[in-house]
C-alpha atoms as a PDB file:
ATOM      1  CA  UNK A   1      -3.575  76.022-161.900  1.00  0.00           C
ATOM      2  CA  UNK A   2      -2.312  76.759-158.204  1.00  0.00           C
ATOM      3  CA  UNK A   3       1.374  76.610-156.955  1.00  0.00           C
ATOM      4  CA  UNK A   4      -0.401  74.806-153.718  1.00  0.00           C
ATOM      5  CA  UNK A   5      -0.623  71.293-155.710  1.00  0.00           C
ATOM      6  CA  UNK A   6       3.359  71.431-156.670  1.00  0.00           C
ATOM      7  CA  UNK A   7       3.151  70.342-152.496  1.00  0.00           C
ATOM      8  CA  UNK A   8       0.250  67.363-153.258  1.00  0.00           C
ATOM      9  CA  UNK A   9       3.092  65.879-156.147  1.00  0.00           C
ATOM     10  CA  UNK A  10       6.149  66.043-154.485  1.00  0.00           C
ATOM     11  CA  UNK A  11       4.674  65.045-151.274  1.00  0.00           C
ATOM     12  CA  UNK A  12       2.589  61.657-152.723  1.00  0.00           C
ATOM     13  CA  UNK A  13       6.116  59.435-154.320  1.00  0.00           C
ATOM     14  CA  UNK A  14       5.292  55.785-154.211  1.00  0.00           C
ATOM     15  CA  UNK A  15       1.379  55.454-155.137  1.00  0.00           C
ATOM     16  CA  UNK A  16      -0.498  53.967-158.148  1.00  0.00           C
ATOM     17  CA  UNK A  17      -0.310  56.365-161.435  1.00  0.00           C
ATOM     18  CA  UNK A  18       0.662  55.543-164.951  1.00  0.00           C
ATOM     19  CA  UNK A  19       3.972  55.617-163.930  1.00  0.00           C
ATOM     20  CA  UNK A  20       5.732  56.188-168.193  1.00  0.00           C
ATOM     21  CA  UNK A  21       2.376  57.870-168.903  1.00  0.00           C
ATOM     22  CA  UNK A  22       3.647  61.496-170.957  1.00  0.00           C
ATOM     23  CA  UNK A  23       0.365  62.254-173.177  1.00  0.00           C
ATOM     24  CA  UNK A  24      -2.206  64.238-171.234  1.00  0.00           C
ATOM     25  CA  UNK A  25      -5.682  62.477-170.456  1.00  0.00           C
ATOM     26  CA  UNK A  26      -7.363  65.862-170.582  1.00  0.00           C
ATOM     27  CA  UNK A  27      -7.731  69.114-172.336  1.00  0.00           C
ATOM     28  CA  UNK A  28      -9.306  71.219-171.344  1.00  0.00           C
ATOM     29  CA  UNK A  29     -11.792  73.565-172.773  1.00  0.00           C
ATOM     30  CA  UNK A  30      -9.508  76.684-172.837  1.00  0.00           C
ATOM     31  CA  UNK A  31      -6.750  74.196-174.567  1.00  0.00           C
ATOM     32  CA  UNK A  32      -4.904  73.150-171.118  1.00  0.00           C
ATOM     33  CA  UNK A  33      -3.357  69.703-170.921  1.00  0.00           C
ATOM     34  CA  UNK A  34      -3.447  67.908-167.613  1.00  0.00           C
ATOM     35  CA  UNK A  35      -1.293  65.033-166.337  1.00  0.00           C
ATOM     36  CA  UNK A  36      -2.445  61.830-164.508  1.00  0.00           C
ATOM     37  CA  UNK A  37      -0.095  61.932-161.199  1.00  0.00           C
ATOM     38  CA  UNK A  38      -2.532  59.006-158.952  1.00  0.00           C
ATOM     39  CA  UNK A  39      -5.378  57.122-159.812  1.00  0.00           C
ATOM     40  CA  UNK A  40      -7.638  55.655-157.138  1.00  0.00           C
ATOM     41  CA  UNK A  41     -10.642  53.011-157.829  1.00  0.00           C
ATOM     42  CA  UNK A  42     -13.416  52.425-155.302  1.00  0.00           C
ATOM     43  CA  UNK A  43     -14.202  48.906-154.580  1.00  0.00           C
ATOM     44  CA  UNK A  44     -17.247  47.770-154.732  1.00  0.00           C
ATOM     45  CA  UNK A  45     -18.069  47.697-151.175  1.00  0.00           C
ATOM     46  CA  UNK A  46     -17.395  51.259-151.503  1.00  0.00           C
ATOM     47  CA  UNK A  47     -19.609  53.636-149.494  1.00  0.00           C
ATOM     48  CA  UNK A  48     -20.788  57.029-150.160  1.00  0.00           C
ATOM     49  CA  UNK A  49     -17.915  59.281-149.669  1.00  0.00           C
ATOM     50  CA  UNK A  50     -16.972  63.105-149.920  1.00  0.00           C
ATOM     51  CA  UNK A  51     -14.091  62.574-152.854  1.00  0.00           C
ATOM     52  CA  UNK A  52     -11.818  64.905-150.553  1.00  0.00           C
ATOM     53  CA  UNK A  53     -12.407  62.411-147.537  1.00  0.00           C
ATOM     54  CA  UNK A  54     -11.561  59.533-150.422  1.00  0.00           C
ATOM     55  CA  UNK A  55      -8.368  60.751-151.382  1.00  0.00           C
ATOM     56  CA  UNK A  56      -6.732  61.598-147.936  1.00  0.00           C
ATOM     57  CA  UNK A  57      -7.692  57.622-146.830  1.00  0.00           C
ATOM     58  CA  UNK A  58      -5.721  56.889-149.310  1.00  0.00           C
ATOM     59  CA  UNK A  59      -2.731  59.183-149.945  1.00  0.00           C
ATOM     60  CA  UNK A  60      -2.463  59.857-145.345  1.00  0.00           C
ATOM     61  CA  UNK A  61       0.787  60.059-145.334  1.00  0.00           C
ATOM     62  CA  UNK A  62       1.379  62.878-148.759  1.00  0.00           C
ATOM     63  CA  UNK A  63      -1.428  64.925-148.319  1.00  0.00           C
ATOM     64  CA  UNK A  64      -4.253  66.792-146.510  1.00  0.00           C
ATOM     65  CA  UNK A  65      -8.067  67.722-147.020  1.00  0.00           C
ATOM     66  CA  UNK A  66      -6.669  71.330-147.124  1.00  0.00           C
ATOM     67  CA  UNK A  67      -4.934  70.799-150.359  1.00  0.00           C
ATOM     68  CA  UNK A  68      -6.926  68.337-151.664  1.00  0.00           C
ATOM     69  CA  UNK A  69      -9.778  70.952-152.094  1.00  0.00           C
ATOM     70  CA  UNK A  70      -7.378  73.313-153.352  1.00  0.00           C
ATOM     71  CA  UNK A  71      -7.111  71.033-155.553  1.00  0.00           C
ATOM     72  CA  UNK A  72     -10.690  69.993-156.278  1.00  0.00           C
ATOM     73  CA  UNK A  73     -11.062  74.233-156.517  1.00  0.00           C
ATOM     74  CA  UNK A  74      -8.030  74.241-159.326  1.00  0.00           C
ATOM     75  CA  UNK A  75     -10.545  71.410-161.511  1.00  0.00           C
ATOM     76  CA  UNK A  76      -7.626  69.131-160.552  1.00  0.00           C
ATOM     77  CA  UNK A  77     -10.020  65.945-159.216  1.00  0.00           C
ATOM     78  CA  UNK A  78     -10.853  64.299-162.009  1.00  0.00           C
ATOM     79  CA  UNK A  79     -13.991  61.126-161.511  1.00  0.00           C
ATOM     80  CA  UNK A  80     -14.591  59.196-164.580  1.00  0.00           C
ATOM     81  CA  UNK A  81     -13.123  61.795-166.942  1.00  0.00           C
ATOM     82  CA  UNK A  82     -14.907  64.569-165.668  1.00  0.00           C
ATOM     83  CA  UNK A  83     -13.999  67.113-162.450  1.00  0.00           C
ATOM     84  CA  UNK A  84     -15.571  67.414-159.517  1.00  0.00           C
ATOM     85  CA  UNK A  85     -15.373  69.534-156.833  1.00  0.00           C
ATOM     86  CA  UNK A  86     -14.592  68.371-153.592  1.00  0.00           C
ATOM     87  CA  UNK A  87     -18.544  67.698-151.986  1.00  0.00           C
ATOM     88  CA  UNK A  88     -18.779  65.012-154.874  1.00  0.00           C
ATOM     89  CA  UNK A  89     -19.270  62.201-153.204  1.00  0.00           C
ATOM     90  CA  UNK A  90     -17.477  58.369-154.174  1.00  0.00           C
ATOM     91  CA  UNK A  91     -19.685  55.800-154.758  1.00  0.00           C
ATOM     92  CA  UNK A  92     -18.134  52.300-156.202  1.00  0.00           C
ATOM     93  CA  UNK A  93     -16.790  51.449-159.135  1.00  0.00           C
ATOM     94  CA  UNK A  94     -15.854  54.771-159.423  1.00  0.00           C
ATOM     95  CA  UNK A  95     -12.262  55.931-160.706  1.00  0.00           C
ATOM     96  CA  UNK A  96     -10.851  59.416-158.775  1.00  0.00           C
ATOM     97  CA  UNK A  97      -7.844  61.317-160.732  1.00  0.00           C
ATOM     98  CA  UNK A  98      -5.635  63.769-159.517  1.00  0.00           C
ATOM     99  CA  UNK A  99      -4.570  65.765-162.375  1.00  0.00           C
ATOM    100  CA  UNK A 100      -2.264  68.551-163.059  1.00  0.00           C
ATOM    101  CA  UNK A 101      -0.702  71.140-166.071  1.00  0.00           C
ATOM    102  CA  UNK A 102       2.370  69.158-166.443  1.00  0.00           C
ATOM    103  CA  UNK A 103       3.334  65.425-166.015  1.00  0.00           C
ATOM    104  CA  UNK A 104       4.951  63.436-163.614  1.00  0.00           C
ATOM    105  CA  UNK A 105       8.761  64.133-162.876  1.00  0.00           C
ATOM    106  CA  UNK A 106      10.210  61.034-160.753  1.00  0.00           C
ATOM    107  CA  UNK A 107      13.365  63.058-159.341  1.00  0.00           C
ATOM    108  CA  UNK A 108      16.929  61.810-160.185  1.00  0.00           C
ATOM    109  CA  UNK A 109      20.394  63.528-160.492  1.00  0.00           C
ATOM    110  CA  UNK A 110      21.725  63.108-164.231  1.00  0.00           C
ATOM    111  CA  UNK A 111      24.831  63.948-164.929  1.00  0.00           C
ATOM    112  CA  UNK A 112      25.011  66.601-168.365  1.00  0.00           C
ATOM    113  CA  UNK A 113      27.177  67.792-170.206  1.00  0.00           C
ATOM    114  CA  UNK A 114      27.395  72.053-169.091  1.00  0.00           C
ATOM    115  CA  UNK A 115      30.649  74.226-169.522  1.00  0.00           C
ATOM    116  CA  UNK A 116      31.612  74.648-165.615  1.00  0.00           C
ATOM    117  CA  UNK A 117      34.157  77.553-165.163  1.00  0.00           C
ATOM    118  CA  UNK A 118      36.263  76.672-162.118  1.00  0.00           C
ATOM    119  CA  UNK A 119      38.355  79.002-160.076  1.00  0.00           C
ATOM    120  CA  UNK A 120      39.952  76.320-157.779  1.00  0.00           C
ATOM    121  CA  UNK A 121      39.925  72.763-157.644  1.00  0.00           C
ATOM    122  CA  UNK A 122      41.578  70.298-154.606  1.00  0.00           C
ATOM    123  CA  UNK A 123      40.211  67.445-152.763  1.00  0.00           C
ATOM    124  CA  UNK A 124      38.097  69.118-151.030  1.00  0.00           C
ATOM    125  CA  UNK A 125      37.188  72.467-152.557  1.00  0.00           C
ATOM    126  CA  UNK A 126      35.793  73.417-156.053  1.00  0.00           C
ATOM    127  CA  UNK A 127      35.308  76.787-156.597  1.00  0.00           C
ATOM    128  CA  UNK A 128      33.172  77.813-159.568  1.00  0.00           C
ATOM    129  CA  UNK A 129      32.241  80.937-161.144  1.00  0.00           C
ATOM    130  CA  UNK A 130      28.468  80.315-161.856  1.00  0.00           C
ATOM    131  CA  UNK A 131      26.563  82.568-164.471  1.00  0.00           C
ATOM    132  CA  UNK A 132      23.967  84.506-163.942  1.00  0.00           C
ATOM    133  CA  UNK A 133      20.897  82.954-165.112  1.00  0.00           C
ATOM    134  CA  UNK A 134      22.515  79.255-164.429  1.00  0.00           C
ATOM    135  CA  UNK A 135      19.994  77.560-161.732  1.00  0.00           C
ATOM    136  CA  UNK A 136      21.480  75.468-158.734  1.00  0.00           C
ATOM    137  CA  UNK A 137      19.677  72.778-158.665  1.00  0.00           C
ATOM    138  CA  UNK A 138      16.356  70.891-159.774  1.00  0.00           C
ATOM    139  CA  UNK A 139      13.082  71.697-158.920  1.00  0.00           C
ATOM    140  CA  UNK A 140       9.856  72.472-160.695  1.00  0.00           C
ATOM    141  CA  UNK A 141      10.014  73.621-163.607  1.00  0.00           C
ATOM    142  CA  UNK A 142      13.442  73.290-164.256  1.00  0.00           C
ATOM    143  CA  UNK A 143      14.315  69.480-164.011  1.00  0.00           C
ATOM    144  CA  UNK A 144      17.740  69.901-166.368  1.00  0.00           C
ATOM    145  CA  UNK A 145      20.412  71.967-166.827  1.00  0.00           C
ATOM    146  CA  UNK A 146      21.466  73.233-163.731  1.00  0.00           C
ATOM    147  CA  UNK A 147      24.199  73.505-161.580  1.00  0.00           C
ATOM    148  CA  UNK A 148      23.418  70.031-160.098  1.00  0.00           C
ATOM    149  CA  UNK A 149      23.038  68.206-163.427  1.00  0.00           C
ATOM    150  CA  UNK A 150      27.166  70.404-164.601  1.00  0.00           C
ATOM    151  CA  UNK A 151      28.748  69.601-160.811  1.00  0.00           C
ATOM    152  CA  UNK A 152      27.168  65.306-161.636  1.00  0.00           C
ATOM    153  CA  UNK A 153      29.515  65.253-164.962  1.00  0.00           C
ATOM    154  CA  UNK A 154      32.167  66.713-163.992  1.00  0.00           C
ATOM    155  CA  UNK A 155      32.640  64.648-161.278  1.00  0.00           C
ATOM    156  CA  UNK A 156      31.173  61.404-163.310  1.00  0.00           C
ATOM    157  CA  UNK A 157      34.424  59.653-163.028  1.00  0.00           C
ATOM    158  CA  UNK A 158      35.123  60.416-159.978  1.00  0.00           C
ATOM    159  CA  UNK A 159      35.774  56.856-157.365  1.00  0.00           C
ATOM    160  CA  UNK A 160      35.241  59.924-154.628  1.00  0.00           C
ATOM    161  CA  UNK A 161      32.340  60.804-154.996  1.00  0.00           C
ATOM    162  CA  UNK A 162      28.689  59.155-155.315  1.00  0.00           C
ATOM    163  CA  UNK A 163      26.569  62.250-157.233  1.00  0.00           C
ATOM    164  CA  UNK A 164      23.466  59.219-157.830  1.00  0.00           C
ATOM    165  CA  UNK A 165      23.872  58.697-153.492  1.00  0.00           C
ATOM    166  CA  UNK A 166      23.531  55.184-153.602  1.00  0.00           C
ATOM    167  CA  UNK A 167      24.929  54.671-149.996  1.00  0.00           C
ATOM    168  CA  UNK A 168      22.259  56.386-149.168  1.00  0.00           C
ATOM    169  CA  UNK A 169      20.026  54.196-150.737  1.00  0.00           C
ATOM    170  CA  UNK A 170      21.081  51.860-148.829  1.00  0.00           C
ATOM    171  CA  UNK A 171      18.830  53.150-145.361  1.00  0.00           C
ATOM    172  CA  UNK A 172      16.068  53.890-147.674  1.00  0.00           C
ATOM    173  CA  UNK A 173      13.540  50.527-146.488  1.00  0.00           C
ATOM    174  CA  UNK A 174      14.995  50.666-142.400  1.00  0.00           C
ATOM    175  CA  UNK A 175      11.438  52.114-141.959  1.00  0.00           C
ATOM    176  CA  UNK A 176      12.984  54.257-138.807  1.00  0.00           C
ATOM    177  CA  UNK A 177       9.349  56.296-138.994  1.00  0.00           C
ATOM    178  CA  UNK A 178       5.787  55.099-139.894  1.00  0.00           C
ATOM    179  CA  UNK A 179       5.066  58.455-142.310  1.00  0.00           C
ATOM    180  CA  UNK A 180       8.216  57.626-143.753  1.00  0.00           C
ATOM    181  CA  UNK A 181       7.431  54.931-146.461  1.00  0.00           C
ATOM    182  CA  UNK A 182      10.886  53.685-148.552  1.00  0.00           C
ATOM    183  CA  UNK A 183       9.800  54.913-151.264  1.00  0.00           C
ATOM    184  CA  UNK A 184       9.431  58.412-149.513  1.00  0.00           C
ATOM    185  CA  UNK A 185      12.451  60.842-152.050  1.00  0.00           C
ATOM    186  CA  UNK A 186      14.222  61.268-148.504  1.00  0.00           C
ATOM    187  CA  UNK A 187      13.674  58.238-146.578  1.00  0.00           C
ATOM    188  CA  UNK A 188      17.115  57.442-147.443  1.00  0.00           C
ATOM    189  CA  UNK A 189      18.956  60.254-145.342  1.00  0.00           C
ATOM    190  CA  UNK A 190      16.155  60.520-142.865  1.00  0.00           C
ATOM    191  CA  UNK A 191      16.709  57.067-141.961  1.00  0.00           C
ATOM    192  CA  UNK A 192      20.807  57.323-142.400  1.00  0.00           C
ATOM    193  CA  UNK A 193      20.461  60.319-139.883  1.00  0.00           C
ATOM    194  CA  UNK A 194      18.547  58.739-137.447  1.00  0.00           C
ATOM    195  CA  UNK A 195      20.396  55.725-137.628  1.00  0.00           C
ATOM    196  CA  UNK A 196      23.383  57.935-136.347  1.00  0.00           C
ATOM    197  CA  UNK A 197      21.026  59.370-134.086  1.00  0.00           C
ATOM    198  CA  UNK A 198      21.291  62.710-135.541  1.00  0.00           C
ATOM    199  CA  UNK A 199      17.662  63.308-135.592  1.00  0.00           C
ATOM    200  CA  UNK A 200      14.671  61.581-133.985  1.00  0.00           C
ATOM    201  CA  UNK A 201      10.933  61.595-134.723  1.00  0.00           C
ATOM    202  CA  UNK A 202       8.505  62.802-132.148  1.00  0.00           C
ATOM    203  CA  UNK A 203       8.035  60.517-129.463  1.00  0.00           C
ATOM    204  CA  UNK A 204       4.829  58.755-131.386  1.00  0.00           C
ATOM    205  CA  UNK A 205       7.010  56.845-133.848  1.00  0.00           C
ATOM    206  CA  UNK A 206       6.252  59.504-137.045  1.00  0.00           C
ATOM    207  CA  UNK A 207       8.670  62.057-138.034  1.00  0.00           C
ATOM    208  CA  UNK A 208       5.997  64.574-140.347  1.00  0.00           C
ATOM    209  CA  UNK A 209       8.462  65.306-142.805  1.00  0.00           C
ATOM    210  CA  UNK A 210       6.429  67.796-144.260  1.00  0.00           C
ATOM    211  CA  UNK A 211       6.108  69.955-140.556  1.00  0.00           C
ATOM    212  CA  UNK A 212       8.237  73.623-140.778  1.00  0.00           C
ATOM    213  CA  UNK A 213      11.953  72.756-138.166  1.00  0.00           C
ATOM    214  CA  UNK A 214      11.736  74.779-134.997  1.00  0.00           C
ATOM    215  CA  UNK A 215      14.663  76.522-133.606  1.00  0.00           C
ATOM    216  CA  UNK A 216      15.384  74.164-130.804  1.00  0.00           C
ATOM    217  CA  UNK A 217      15.308  71.253-133.621  1.00  0.00           C
ATOM    218  CA  UNK A 218      17.744  72.558-135.804  1.00  0.00           C
ATOM    219  CA  UNK A 219      19.473  72.987-132.637  1.00  0.00           C
ATOM    220  CA  UNK A 220      19.306  69.436-131.320  1.00  0.00           C
ATOM    221  CA  UNK A 221      19.957  67.560-134.239  1.00  0.00           C
ATOM    222  CA  UNK A 222      23.599  70.015-134.806  1.00  0.00           C
ATOM    223  CA  UNK A 223      24.845  69.617-131.511  1.00  0.00           C
ATOM    224  CA  UNK A 224      24.121  65.677-131.573  1.00  0.00           C
ATOM    225  CA  UNK A 225      26.860  65.812-134.528  1.00  0.00           C
ATOM    226  CA  UNK A 226      28.898  67.253-132.434  1.00  0.00           C
ATOM    227  CA  UNK A 227      28.546  64.966-129.567  1.00  0.00           C
ATOM    228  CA  UNK A 228      25.499  65.806-127.296  1.00  0.00           C
ATOM    229  CA  UNK A 229      22.601  63.685-126.302  1.00  0.00           C
ATOM    230  CA  UNK A 230      24.439  60.460-125.606  1.00  0.00           C
ATOM    231  CA  UNK A 231      22.114  60.357-122.569  1.00  0.00           C
ATOM    232  CA  UNK A 232      19.167  61.631-123.872  1.00  0.00           C
ATOM    233  CA  UNK A 233      18.765  64.698-122.855  1.00  0.00           C
ATOM    234  CA  UNK A 234      17.441  66.362-125.865  1.00  0.00           C
ATOM    235  CA  UNK A 235      14.148  64.229-125.161  1.00  0.00           C
ATOM    236  CA  UNK A 236      11.943  63.778-122.891  1.00  0.00           C
ATOM    237  CA  UNK A 237       9.467  67.075-120.943  1.00  0.00           C
ATOM    238  CA  UNK A 238      12.274  69.802-120.620  1.00  0.00           C
ATOM    239  CA  UNK A 239      14.573  69.107-123.907  1.00  0.00           C
ATOM    240  CA  UNK A 240      14.174  72.047-124.975  1.00  0.00           C
ATOM    241  CA  UNK A 241      16.113  73.897-121.812  1.00  0.00           C
ATOM    242  CA  UNK A 242      18.367  71.175-122.150  1.00  0.00           C
ATOM    243  CA  UNK A 243      19.422  71.877-125.916  1.00  0.00           C
ATOM    244  CA  UNK A 244      19.604  75.786-124.966  1.00  0.00           C
ATOM    245  CA  UNK A 245      21.776  75.150-122.111  1.00  0.00           C
ATOM    246  CA  UNK A 246      23.724  73.583-124.013  1.00  0.00           C
ATOM    247  CA  UNK A 247      24.279  75.673-127.189  1.00  0.00           C
ATOM    248  CA  UNK A 248      24.148  78.870-125.094  1.00  0.00           C
ATOM    249  CA  UNK A 249      27.610  76.865-122.670  1.00  0.00           C
ATOM    250  CA  UNK A 250      29.094  76.310-126.140  1.00  0.00           C
ATOM    251  CA  UNK A 251      28.022  79.968-127.340  1.00  0.00           C
ATOM    252  CA  UNK A 252      26.523  78.638-130.374  1.00  0.00           C
ATOM    253  CA  UNK A 253      23.800  81.040-130.266  1.00  0.00           C
ATOM    254  CA  UNK A 254      25.310  83.973-129.774  1.00  0.00           C
ATOM    255  CA  UNK A 255      24.155  85.478-132.082  1.00  0.00           C
ATOM    256  CA  UNK A 256      20.876  84.169-131.918  1.00  0.00           C
ATOM    257  CA  UNK A 257      17.786  85.592-130.538  1.00  0.00           C
ATOM    258  CA  UNK A 258      16.593  82.929-128.573  1.00  0.00           C
ATOM    259  CA  UNK A 259      12.781  84.201-128.132  1.00  0.00           C
ATOM    260  CA  UNK A 260      12.959  82.929-131.552  1.00  0.00           C
ATOM    261  CA  UNK A 261      13.847  79.217-131.286  1.00  0.00           C
ATOM    262  CA  UNK A 262      10.565  77.444-130.932  1.00  0.00           C
ATOM    263  CA  UNK A 263       9.496  79.200-134.877  1.00  0.00           C
ATOM    264  CA  UNK A 264       9.978  77.539-137.309  1.00  0.00           C
ATOM    265  CA  UNK A 265      14.153  78.153-138.476  1.00  0.00           C
ATOM    266  CA  UNK A 266      14.736  80.363-140.864  1.00  0.00           C
ATOM    267  CA  UNK A 267      17.894  79.310-143.381  1.00  0.00           C
ATOM    268  CA  UNK A 268      19.409  82.617-141.680  1.00  0.00           C
ATOM    269  CA  UNK A 269      19.266  80.903-138.235  1.00  0.00           C
ATOM    270  CA  UNK A 270      20.202  77.810-138.970  1.00  0.00           C
ATOM    271  CA  UNK A 271      22.962  79.195-141.011  1.00  0.00           C
ATOM    272  CA  UNK A 272      24.265  80.949-138.221  1.00  0.00           C
ATOM    273  CA  UNK A 273      24.295  77.754-135.888  1.00  0.00           C
ATOM    274  CA  UNK A 274      25.898  75.326-137.885  1.00  0.00           C
ATOM    275  CA  UNK A 275      28.936  77.855-138.777  1.00  0.00           C
ATOM    276  CA  UNK A 276      29.454  78.281-134.777  1.00  0.00           C
ATOM    277  CA  UNK A 277      28.714  74.784-133.778  1.00  0.00           C
ATOM    278  CA  UNK A 278      31.599  73.012-136.656  1.00  0.00           C
ATOM    279  CA  UNK A 279      34.115  75.612-134.987  1.00  0.00           C
ATOM    280  CA  UNK A 280      33.252  74.099-131.458  1.00  0.00           C
ATOM    281  CA  UNK A 281      35.665  71.417-130.764  1.00  0.00           C
ATOM    282  CA  UNK A 282      33.871  68.384-130.110  1.00  0.00           C
ATOM    283  CA  UNK A 283      33.099  65.693-127.338  1.00  0.00           C
ATOM    284  CA  UNK A 284      32.856  62.106-125.788  1.00  0.00           C
ATOM    285  CA  UNK A 285      30.303  61.069-123.281  1.00  0.00           C
ATOM    286  CA  UNK A 286      31.688  58.320-120.575  1.00  0.00           C
ATOM    287  CA  UNK A 287      29.200  57.577-117.988  1.00  0.00           C
ATOM    288  CA  UNK A 288      32.641  57.913-115.166  1.00  0.00           C
ATOM    289  CA  UNK A 289      33.261  61.846-116.760  1.00  0.00           C
ATOM    290  CA  UNK A 290      29.938  63.015-118.954  1.00  0.00           C
ATOM    291  CA  UNK A 291      30.766  65.014-121.824  1.00  0.00           C
ATOM    292  CA  UNK A 292      34.109  65.958-121.876  1.00  0.00           C
ATOM    293  CA  UNK A 293      35.109  68.637-124.657  1.00  0.00           C
ATOM    294  CA  UNK A 294      38.147  67.500-126.684  1.00  0.00           C
ATOM    295  CA  UNK A 295      41.238  69.638-125.899  1.00  0.00           C
ATOM    296  CA  UNK A 296      42.450  69.187-129.602  1.00  0.00           C
ATOM    297  CA  UNK A 297      42.041  72.177-131.494  1.00  0.00           C
ATOM    298  CA  UNK A 298      41.577  70.589-134.506  1.00  0.00           C
ATOM    299  CA  UNK A 299      39.211  68.540-133.642  1.00  0.00           C
ATOM    300  CA  UNK A 300      35.981  69.994-134.865  1.00  0.00           C
ATOM    301  CA  UNK A 301      33.618  69.650-137.782  1.00  0.00           C
ATOM    302  CA  UNK A 302      34.715  72.604-139.975  1.00  0.00           C
ATOM    303  CA  UNK A 303      38.716  71.066-139.661  1.00  0.00           C
ATOM    304  CA  UNK A 304      37.400  67.700-140.336  1.00  0.00           C
ATOM    305  CA  UNK A 305      35.499  68.558-143.428  1.00  0.00           C
ATOM    306  CA  UNK A 306      36.598  71.235-144.883  1.00  0.00           C
ATOM    307  CA  UNK A 307      40.374  71.694-142.580  1.00  0.00           C
ATOM    308  CA  UNK A 308      39.311  74.596-141.083  1.00  0.00           C
ATOM    309  CA  UNK A 309      41.222  76.161-137.952  1.00  0.00           C
END
């Protein structure tokens, strides 16, 4: 079973499925149990159409034809109870299923009473000695028993901590982008940050949530939090030049190779950009004076959030 199929599973929330079904729908000759994740029934007027094209048409915001074809090669596309190849032609009345070797999982952070060795804790900082083998956060194959589940339990009675992100859910149906439906797992976060003008789409009304972020895009988002882009300088034909110039002026990119900013950003690059950006003074923008750098050395994200000077 290809690991690439995980991408289909995790990026297709909200489409028709059995939901509560946890019993396998098919057991292969090798004894592999397959569970239904998505089901589509071709209507009476359905014209003959390859099953890969049929599924892409029914899940345009969730998957690509290449991934669907990978699923078919792995035996995960079922029509009327039988596995089919991607060139199978769907006809009226066909029941098409996407199945996988694990039950469909609806993501939720569940508080679990897992012992934590707390080294230090105050109102803003918690230092934990994480034991070897404890997974940090839920993911494929580790949906519970993680450090995040333990922290959710630790903070369960603290009103200052919202481990379920209930406030973010308020923004889920803001529908800022046509390719981020309200039931997308990240809709609340994306719409919240868009509403705060920290992130933007690509000018066509879409966000492209599955695309990789370039160094320039990560840099633009970070600089907006500092206070830039109030005049729209990070949009338009020369937005990359403007973004790089601003970052260079504030020395945010002093340790980053400028030639890598146009490529997908590594975790190391994003961490470096963040570390430099949170230490610089924030800016205020007015039509009369443009951007004014704060003269207060404590007017930084680092001090505001962590009391770092």
